Protein backbone atom coordinates (compact mmCIF):
# COMPACT_ATOMS: atom_id res chain seq x y z
CA UNK A 1 30.60 -26.91 -54.43
CA UNK A 2 31.99 -25.13 -57.49
CA UNK A 3 30.31 -25.37 -61.30
CA UNK A 4 32.47 -23.53 -63.81
CA UNK A 5 30.85 -22.97 -67.06
CA UNK A 6 32.78 -22.08 -70.52
CA UNK A 7 32.97 -18.81 -71.15
CA UNK A 8 30.40 -18.45 -74.26
CA UNK A 9 27.59 -21.09 -72.28
CA UNK A 10 28.61 -18.79 -68.90
CA UNK A 11 27.51 -15.99 -71.48
CA UNK A 12 24.71 -17.42 -72.90
CA UNK A 13 23.74 -18.60 -69.15
CA UNK A 14 23.76 -14.86 -68.01
CA UNK A 15 22.21 -13.45 -71.08
CA UNK A 16 18.82 -15.87 -70.24
CA UNK A 17 18.91 -14.65 -66.93
CA UNK A 18 18.98 -11.37 -67.93
CA UNK A 19 16.34 -11.09 -69.99
CA UNK A 20 14.13 -13.46 -67.53
CA UNK A 21 14.67 -10.66 -65.33
CA UNK A 22 13.51 -7.76 -67.46
CA UNK A 23 10.56 -9.99 -68.66
CA UNK A 24 9.71 -10.64 -64.79
CA UNK A 25 10.28 -6.68 -64.36
CA UNK A 26 8.05 -5.29 -67.05
CA UNK A 27 4.81 -4.52 -66.83
CA UNK A 28 1.41 -5.88 -69.07
CA UNK A 29 1.61 -2.42 -71.03
CA UNK A 30 3.37 -1.81 -74.03
CA UNK A 31 4.47 1.02 -75.53
CA UNK A 32 4.74 1.88 -79.69
CA UNK A 33 4.48 5.72 -80.14
CA UNK A 34 0.92 6.60 -79.59
CA UNK A 35 -0.61 3.09 -79.26
CA UNK A 36 0.00 1.26 -76.42
CA UNK A 37 -1.57 -2.46 -75.22
CA UNK A 38 -2.40 -3.88 -71.86
CA UNK A 39 -2.69 -7.21 -71.27
CA UNK A 40 -4.44 -9.11 -68.60
CA UNK A 41 -6.78 -11.95 -66.95
CA UNK A 42 -8.90 -13.86 -64.63
CA UNK A 43 -8.64 -17.07 -63.94
CA UNK A 44 -11.01 -18.52 -61.24
CA UNK A 45 -11.49 -22.49 -60.44
CA UNK A 46 -13.99 -24.16 -58.67
CA UNK A 47 -14.88 -26.41 -56.41
CA UNK A 48 -19.27 -27.78 -56.43
CA UNK A 49 -21.45 -30.26 -54.97
CA UNK A 50 -25.11 -30.65 -55.38
CA UNK A 51 -28.16 -32.34 -53.64
CA UNK A 52 -29.89 -32.99 -56.89
CA UNK A 53 -30.19 -36.63 -57.74
CA UNK A 54 -28.76 -38.24 -60.82
CA UNK A 55 -26.08 -35.82 -61.64
CA UNK A 56 -22.76 -36.35 -60.23
CA UNK A 57 -22.49 -34.95 -56.48
CA UNK A 58 -18.86 -33.00 -56.59
CA UNK A 59 -16.86 -31.54 -59.46
CA UNK A 60 -14.27 -29.21 -59.97
CA UNK A 61 -14.34 -26.71 -62.61
CA UNK A 62 -12.43 -24.01 -64.16
CA UNK A 63 -15.10 -21.17 -64.25
CA UNK A 64 -13.93 -19.05 -65.97
CA UNK A 65 -9.54 -18.71 -67.99
CA UNK A 66 -10.08 -15.24 -70.14
CA UNK A 67 -7.31 -13.12 -71.39
CA UNK A 68 -8.51 -9.68 -71.94
CA UNK A 69 -6.48 -7.21 -74.69
CA UNK A 70 -6.94 -3.70 -74.20
CA UNK A 71 -4.87 -1.47 -77.03
CA UNK A 72 -5.50 2.83 -76.69
CA UNK A 73 -4.53 3.86 -80.27
CA UNK A 74 -5.48 8.23 -79.30
CA UNK A 75 -7.27 9.36 -76.63
CA UNK A 76 -10.28 9.00 -78.90
CA UNK A 77 -9.52 5.61 -80.38
CA UNK A 78 -9.19 2.16 -78.07
CA UNK A 79 -10.54 -1.33 -77.95
CA UNK A 80 -11.00 -4.76 -76.13
CA UNK A 81 -10.78 -8.32 -77.43
CA UNK A 82 -11.74 -10.78 -74.15
CA UNK A 83 -10.93 -14.49 -75.59
CA UNK A 84 -13.48 -17.07 -73.51
CA UNK A 85 -11.54 -20.83 -72.40
CA UNK A 86 -13.57 -21.63 -69.25
CA UNK A 87 -16.06 -24.12 -68.68
CA UNK A 88 -14.62 -26.16 -71.75
CA UNK A 89 -15.79 -24.06 -74.28
CA UNK A 90 -13.45 -21.13 -76.53
CA UNK A 91 -16.04 -18.21 -77.62
CA UNK A 92 -15.16 -14.80 -77.92
CA UNK A 93 -16.73 -12.68 -74.53
CA UNK A 94 -16.23 -9.48 -75.14
CA UNK A 95 -14.93 -7.49 -78.54
CA UNK A 96 -15.36 -3.93 -79.62
CA UNK A 97 -14.26 -0.52 -81.06
CA UNK A 98 -14.70 2.56 -78.37
CA UNK A 99 -14.97 5.88 -79.94
CA UNK A 100 -14.29 8.15 -77.28
CA UNK A 101 -15.14 11.79 -76.97
CA UNK A 102 -15.52 12.65 -72.56
CA UNK A 103 -17.78 12.64 -70.58
CA UNK A 104 -20.93 13.45 -72.52
CA UNK A 105 -20.23 10.88 -75.27
CA UNK A 106 -18.58 7.88 -75.99
CA UNK A 107 -20.25 4.94 -78.35
CA UNK A 108 -19.15 1.45 -78.52
CA UNK A 109 -19.02 -0.95 -81.92
CA UNK A 110 -19.18 -4.58 -80.87
CA UNK A 111 -20.31 -7.49 -78.59
CA UNK A 112 -20.20 -6.11 -75.04
CA UNK A 113 -22.75 -6.75 -71.62
CA UNK A 114 -26.61 -4.93 -72.84
CA UNK A 115 -26.82 -2.36 -69.99
CA UNK A 116 -29.89 -3.26 -67.49
CA UNK A 117 -28.90 -3.98 -64.12
CA UNK A 118 -26.43 -3.78 -61.48
CA UNK A 119 -25.96 -7.07 -61.13
CA UNK A 120 -24.52 -7.85 -64.62
CA UNK A 121 -22.60 -4.77 -64.78
CA UNK A 122 -20.83 -5.56 -62.06
CA UNK A 123 -17.39 -7.60 -63.58
CA UNK A 124 -16.70 -11.00 -62.82
CA UNK A 125 -14.04 -10.43 -60.66
CA UNK A 126 -15.97 -8.58 -57.97
CA UNK A 127 -19.25 -9.83 -58.06
CA UNK A 128 -20.54 -10.20 -54.35
CA UNK A 129 -21.27 -14.42 -54.48
CA UNK A 130 -20.01 -16.81 -56.76
CA UNK A 131 -22.72 -17.08 -59.07
CA UNK A 132 -24.54 -14.47 -60.17
CA UNK A 133 -28.18 -17.23 -60.97
CA UNK A 134 -27.15 -18.92 -57.55
CA UNK A 135 -27.06 -22.19 -60.52
CA UNK A 136 -27.30 -25.45 -58.54
CA UNK A 137 -26.31 -28.41 -61.18
CA UNK A 138 -28.94 -31.06 -62.09
CA UNK A 139 -31.87 -28.31 -60.82
CA UNK A 140 -33.94 -27.08 -63.39
CA UNK A 141 -36.87 -25.50 -62.64
CA UNK A 142 -36.53 -21.53 -63.84
CA UNK A 143 -39.60 -22.35 -66.42
CA UNK A 144 -39.07 -21.58 -70.61
CA UNK A 145 -35.43 -20.90 -68.76
CA UNK A 146 -34.01 -23.87 -66.51
CA UNK A 147 -31.80 -23.89 -63.84
CA UNK A 148 -32.50 -22.48 -60.26
CA UNK A 149 -34.85 -19.08 -60.59
CA UNK A 150 -33.16 -16.25 -59.53
CA UNK A 151 -33.09 -12.88 -60.75
CA UNK A 152 -30.06 -13.16 -62.67
CA UNK A 153 -30.77 -16.71 -63.99
CA UNK A 154 -34.07 -14.25 -65.89
CA UNK A 155 -31.70 -11.26 -66.90
CA UNK A 156 -29.48 -13.63 -68.65
CA UNK A 157 -31.41 -16.21 -70.15
CA UNK A 158 -34.04 -13.72 -71.34
CA UNK A 159 -31.08 -11.77 -73.08
CA UNK A 160 -31.44 -8.70 -71.10
CA UNK A 161 -27.85 -7.56 -69.85
CA UNK A 162 -25.51 -10.77 -71.49
CA UNK A 163 -23.47 -9.76 -73.91
CA UNK A 164 -24.76 -8.81 -77.15
CA UNK A 165 -22.96 -7.66 -80.74
CA UNK A 166 -24.34 -4.02 -81.62
CA UNK A 167 -23.35 -0.50 -80.74
CA UNK A 168 -23.84 1.11 -77.50
CA UNK A 169 -24.26 5.04 -76.71
CA UNK A 170 -22.83 6.41 -73.12
CA UNK A 171 -22.19 9.22 -71.24
CA UNK A 172 -22.33 11.53 -68.22
CA UNK A 173 -23.21 14.96 -67.17
CA UNK A 174 -21.15 17.68 -66.75
CA UNK A 175 -20.88 16.42 -62.34
CA UNK A 176 -20.46 12.72 -63.26
CA UNK A 177 -23.33 12.00 -61.43
CA UNK A 178 -25.90 10.85 -63.89
CA UNK A 179 -24.78 8.66 -66.40
CA UNK A 180 -26.70 7.27 -68.96
CA UNK A 181 -26.72 3.78 -72.06
CA UNK A 182 -28.29 3.15 -74.95
CA UNK A 183 -27.49 0.08 -76.81
CA UNK A 184 -29.37 -1.43 -80.25
CA UNK A 185 -28.07 -4.59 -80.28
CA UNK A 186 -29.02 -8.16 -82.55
CA UNK A 187 -30.38 -9.61 -79.64
CA UNK A 188 -29.45 -13.03 -80.39
CA UNK A 189 -26.51 -12.69 -77.69
CA UNK A 190 -22.90 -13.21 -77.46
CA UNK A 191 -21.18 -15.31 -81.12
CA UNK A 192 -24.16 -15.41 -82.73
CA UNK A 193 -25.70 -14.11 -85.98
CA UNK A 194 -28.86 -12.45 -85.72
CA UNK A 195 -32.21 -14.62 -86.47
CA UNK A 196 -34.08 -11.95 -88.29
CA UNK A 197 -34.26 -8.14 -89.17
CA UNK A 198 -35.62 -6.80 -86.21
CA UNK A 199 -33.25 -5.21 -83.23
CA UNK A 200 -33.09 -5.30 -79.60
CA UNK A 201 -32.90 -1.94 -77.67
CA UNK A 202 -31.84 -0.96 -73.87
CA UNK A 203 -31.27 1.94 -72.20
CA UNK A 204 -30.18 3.30 -68.53
CA UNK A 205 -29.90 5.83 -66.35
CA UNK A 206 -27.36 5.55 -63.32
CA UNK A 207 -27.57 8.44 -60.65
CA UNK A 208 -25.43 8.88 -57.77
CA UNK A 209 -27.47 10.45 -55.13
CA UNK A 210 -25.05 10.55 -51.97
CA UNK A 211 -21.04 9.46 -51.86
CA UNK A 212 -21.46 5.83 -52.08
CA UNK A 213 -25.55 5.50 -52.99
CA UNK A 214 -25.77 4.90 -56.92
CA UNK A 215 -29.47 4.29 -58.21
CA UNK A 216 -30.11 2.58 -61.64
CA UNK A 217 -33.13 2.32 -63.58
CA UNK A 218 -33.14 0.01 -66.81
CA UNK A 219 -35.58 -0.67 -69.97
CA UNK A 220 -35.39 -3.14 -72.50
CA UNK A 221 -37.01 -4.05 -75.37
CA UNK A 222 -36.10 -7.81 -76.40
CA UNK A 223 -36.90 -8.75 -79.84
CA UNK A 224 -37.74 -12.31 -80.66
CA UNK A 225 -39.68 -14.18 -83.16
CA UNK A 226 -43.33 -15.26 -82.68
CA UNK A 227 -43.52 -18.88 -84.25
CA UNK A 228 -46.76 -19.02 -83.54
CA UNK A 229 -47.79 -15.81 -85.79
CA UNK A 230 -44.90 -16.12 -87.78
CA UNK A 231 -43.28 -12.69 -87.24
CA UNK A 232 -41.02 -10.36 -85.19
CA UNK A 233 -42.48 -9.30 -81.64
CA UNK A 234 -41.28 -7.45 -78.41
CA UNK A 235 -40.88 -8.45 -74.79
CA UNK A 236 -40.51 -5.46 -72.86
CA UNK A 237 -38.76 -5.44 -69.25
CA UNK A 238 -37.83 -2.93 -66.91
CA UNK A 239 -35.67 -2.86 -63.70
CA UNK A 240 -34.50 -0.56 -60.48
CA UNK A 241 -31.84 -1.44 -58.77
CA UNK A 242 -29.47 0.18 -55.62
CA UNK A 243 -25.54 0.11 -54.32
CA UNK A 244 -24.55 1.14 -51.59
CA UNK A 245 -21.05 1.59 -50.29
CA UNK A 246 -17.78 -0.47 -52.93
CA UNK A 247 -15.95 -3.05 -52.97
CA UNK A 248 -12.71 -2.09 -50.53
CA UNK A 249 -13.69 -1.58 -47.36
CA UNK A 250 -17.12 -1.40 -45.07
CA UNK A 251 -20.69 -2.59 -45.39
CA UNK A 252 -21.55 -2.70 -49.10
CA UNK A 253 -25.79 -3.77 -50.10
CA UNK A 254 -26.82 -4.20 -53.98
CA UNK A 255 -30.48 -4.41 -54.26
CA UNK A 256 -32.62 -4.66 -57.42
CA UNK A 257 -35.98 -5.78 -58.94
CA UNK A 258 -36.85 -6.53 -62.26
CA UNK A 259 -40.20 -7.49 -64.44
CA UNK A 260 -41.70 -7.66 -67.77
CA UNK A 261 -42.17 -10.46 -69.99
CA UNK A 262 -40.87 -13.78 -70.41
CA UNK A 263 -40.50 -14.77 -74.14
CA UNK A 264 -38.92 -17.82 -73.84
CA UNK A 265 -42.49 -18.75 -72.37
CA UNK A 266 -46.16 -18.35 -73.48
CA UNK A 267 -49.30 -18.34 -71.79
CA UNK A 268 -51.64 -19.33 -74.59
CA UNK A 269 -50.61 -17.05 -77.63
CA UNK A 270 -49.02 -14.28 -75.16
CA UNK A 271 -45.29 -14.17 -73.52
CA UNK A 272 -46.18 -14.53 -69.36
CA UNK A 273 -44.87 -12.43 -66.73
CA UNK A 274 -41.80 -12.31 -64.99
CA UNK A 275 -41.25 -11.01 -61.88
CA UNK A 276 -37.92 -10.85 -59.77
CA UNK A 277 -36.43 -9.38 -57.06
CA UNK A 278 -32.98 -9.86 -54.73
CA UNK A 279 -30.95 -8.21 -52.37
CA UNK A 280 -26.91 -9.36 -51.41
CA UNK A 281 -25.04 -7.68 -48.13
CA UNK A 282 -21.53 -7.78 -47.37
CA UNK A 283 -19.26 -6.10 -44.78
CA UNK A 284 -15.94 -5.99 -45.78
CA UNK A 285 -13.72 -5.97 -42.62
CA UNK A 286 -9.50 -5.31 -42.98
CA UNK A 287 -7.52 -8.57 -41.49
CA UNK A 288 -3.99 -7.57 -41.58
CA UNK A 289 -1.80 -10.16 -42.06
CA UNK A 290 0.60 -10.10 -45.44
CA UNK A 291 1.03 -12.32 -47.37
CA UNK A 292 -1.50 -14.14 -46.13
CA UNK A 293 -4.64 -12.05 -45.96
CA UNK A 294 -5.70 -8.92 -46.19
CA UNK A 295 -9.27 -8.56 -45.60
CA UNK A 296 -12.36 -10.79 -44.92
CA UNK A 297 -15.71 -10.44 -45.97
CA UNK A 298 -18.87 -12.56 -44.91
CA UNK A 299 -21.93 -12.90 -47.69
CA UNK A 300 -25.67 -13.01 -47.87
CA UNK A 301 -28.09 -13.19 -50.69
CA UNK A 302 -31.58 -14.16 -51.06
CA UNK A 303 -33.64 -13.13 -54.00
CA UNK A 304 -36.84 -14.73 -55.16
CA UNK A 305 -38.15 -14.72 -58.71
CA UNK A 306 -41.48 -15.68 -60.40
CA UNK A 307 -40.91 -16.81 -64.29
CA UNK A 308 -45.30 -16.87 -65.01
CA UNK A 309 -46.91 -14.74 -62.63
CA UNK A 310 -50.56 -16.41 -64.04
CA UNK A 311 -49.21 -19.70 -63.25
CA UNK A 312 -48.55 -21.32 -59.57
CA UNK A 313 -45.91 -23.27 -57.96
CA UNK A 314 -43.00 -22.19 -60.47
CA UNK A 315 -41.38 -19.24 -58.51
CA UNK A 316 -39.09 -19.61 -55.34
CA UNK A 317 -36.67 -18.92 -53.22
CA UNK A 318 -32.32 -18.53 -53.69
CA UNK A 319 -31.01 -17.63 -50.48
CA UNK A 320 -26.94 -17.89 -50.26
CA UNK A 321 -24.62 -17.42 -47.61
CA UNK A 322 -21.06 -16.84 -47.52
CA UNK A 323 -17.34 -16.26 -46.53
CA UNK A 324 -14.74 -13.94 -48.94
CA UNK A 325 -11.15 -14.28 -47.94
CA UNK A 326 -8.51 -11.40 -49.31
CA UNK A 327 -5.39 -12.07 -50.42
CA UNK A 328 -4.59 -9.00 -51.91
CA UNK A 329 -6.39 -6.98 -53.73
CA UNK A 330 -8.70 -9.02 -56.33
CA UNK A 331 -7.15 -12.00 -55.19
CA UNK A 332 -9.10 -13.93 -53.27
CA UNK A 333 -11.09 -17.49 -52.13
CA UNK A 334 -14.62 -17.94 -51.55
CA UNK A 335 -17.22 -20.14 -50.26
CA UNK A 336 -20.32 -19.86 -51.05
CA UNK A 337 -23.97 -22.59 -50.25
CA UNK A 338 -26.84 -21.70 -52.75
CA UNK A 339 -29.87 -23.25 -51.04
CA UNK A 340 -33.29 -23.34 -53.71
CA UNK A 341 -36.31 -22.94 -51.70
CA UNK A 342 -39.00 -23.43 -53.99
CA UNK A 343 -43.12 -22.77 -53.87
CA UNK A 344 -43.17 -26.45 -55.44
CA UNK A 345 -40.95 -29.60 -55.36
CA UNK A 346 -37.99 -30.83 -53.75
CA UNK A 347 -35.62 -28.32 -51.93
CA UNK A 348 -32.08 -28.34 -52.93
CA UNK A 349 -28.26 -26.74 -52.10
CA UNK A 350 -24.79 -26.43 -53.46
CA UNK A 351 -21.74 -25.63 -51.74
CA UNK A 352 -19.44 -23.47 -53.94
CA UNK A 353 -15.70 -23.08 -53.45
CA UNK A 354 -13.71 -20.51 -55.51
CA UNK A 355 -10.35 -18.85 -56.42
CA UNK A 356 -10.08 -16.25 -58.18
CA UNK A 357 -6.54 -14.74 -59.59
CA UNK A 358 -6.41 -11.80 -61.40
CA UNK A 359 -3.64 -10.47 -63.97
């Protein structure tokens, strides 16, 4: 059956179709003279369960919904803004301007991740497990910081690697093997005003020791208000990490240890001391079944953390087996089971299924 449209309507429909096709072919980059803007984002949708009582046994959640807007003014000045819409929140995740003088030196001003440890610096599009912290709903076992006790839980809640507002200097040597990062920030975290006149310091060195092998070391001084003394104090922390392999194929290992003063948990008049260690290992094998599959990747994580080494019974293990199905590129489906095995108390577990869409 043939359908005829009046000439003006046919022209309008043809123009609309042409415009739609042009937009479909368009790239996410827009050029205006020397200035270019690149738009992107990510959508991570999660289904999770928990064996903890008194909370819903399962839920669907929009874990992350972020839009990225990157602007390149010229080869020296650029910037990025990344709002976050996931988990029922609307906030600013990243927002900074960057002055780039080349490999030896660049300066970032705004809100960014503090450069402390490898696990936190790995993008949420690439992290090897679904949840860095191993979080299980309804479990509040990590003294002073809440949630399941793991390396990344302590790093995030003690504001050692989470986004913060300030300034960061970074660069590499001529060989590109040794990189450094120095950051001075408020210390109160993303989207928050400073609570005092002191600032937090973070430093990191990263060395490419061999092809596919990177060693990292981080130090931090986190400022906080001591309510007992009524003064500003500093909580020191340190970290060492190792990465072997890459995100493209084959064996991939991320391992690290962190320790320092837990300023959220006092023993007497002084902060408790914390210590944590973690290993994540994967093997990404090609599985050429376009358009349904590109690779398959089994995952295993063991994390042990103690938020107060002088106390007993509040440490524990997070053990995570999992599997990732790569459809193409960063677009994938993942399944993890997080097991919480405390020194004292009930063992808990939670299943997580998550889809990843990157655009």
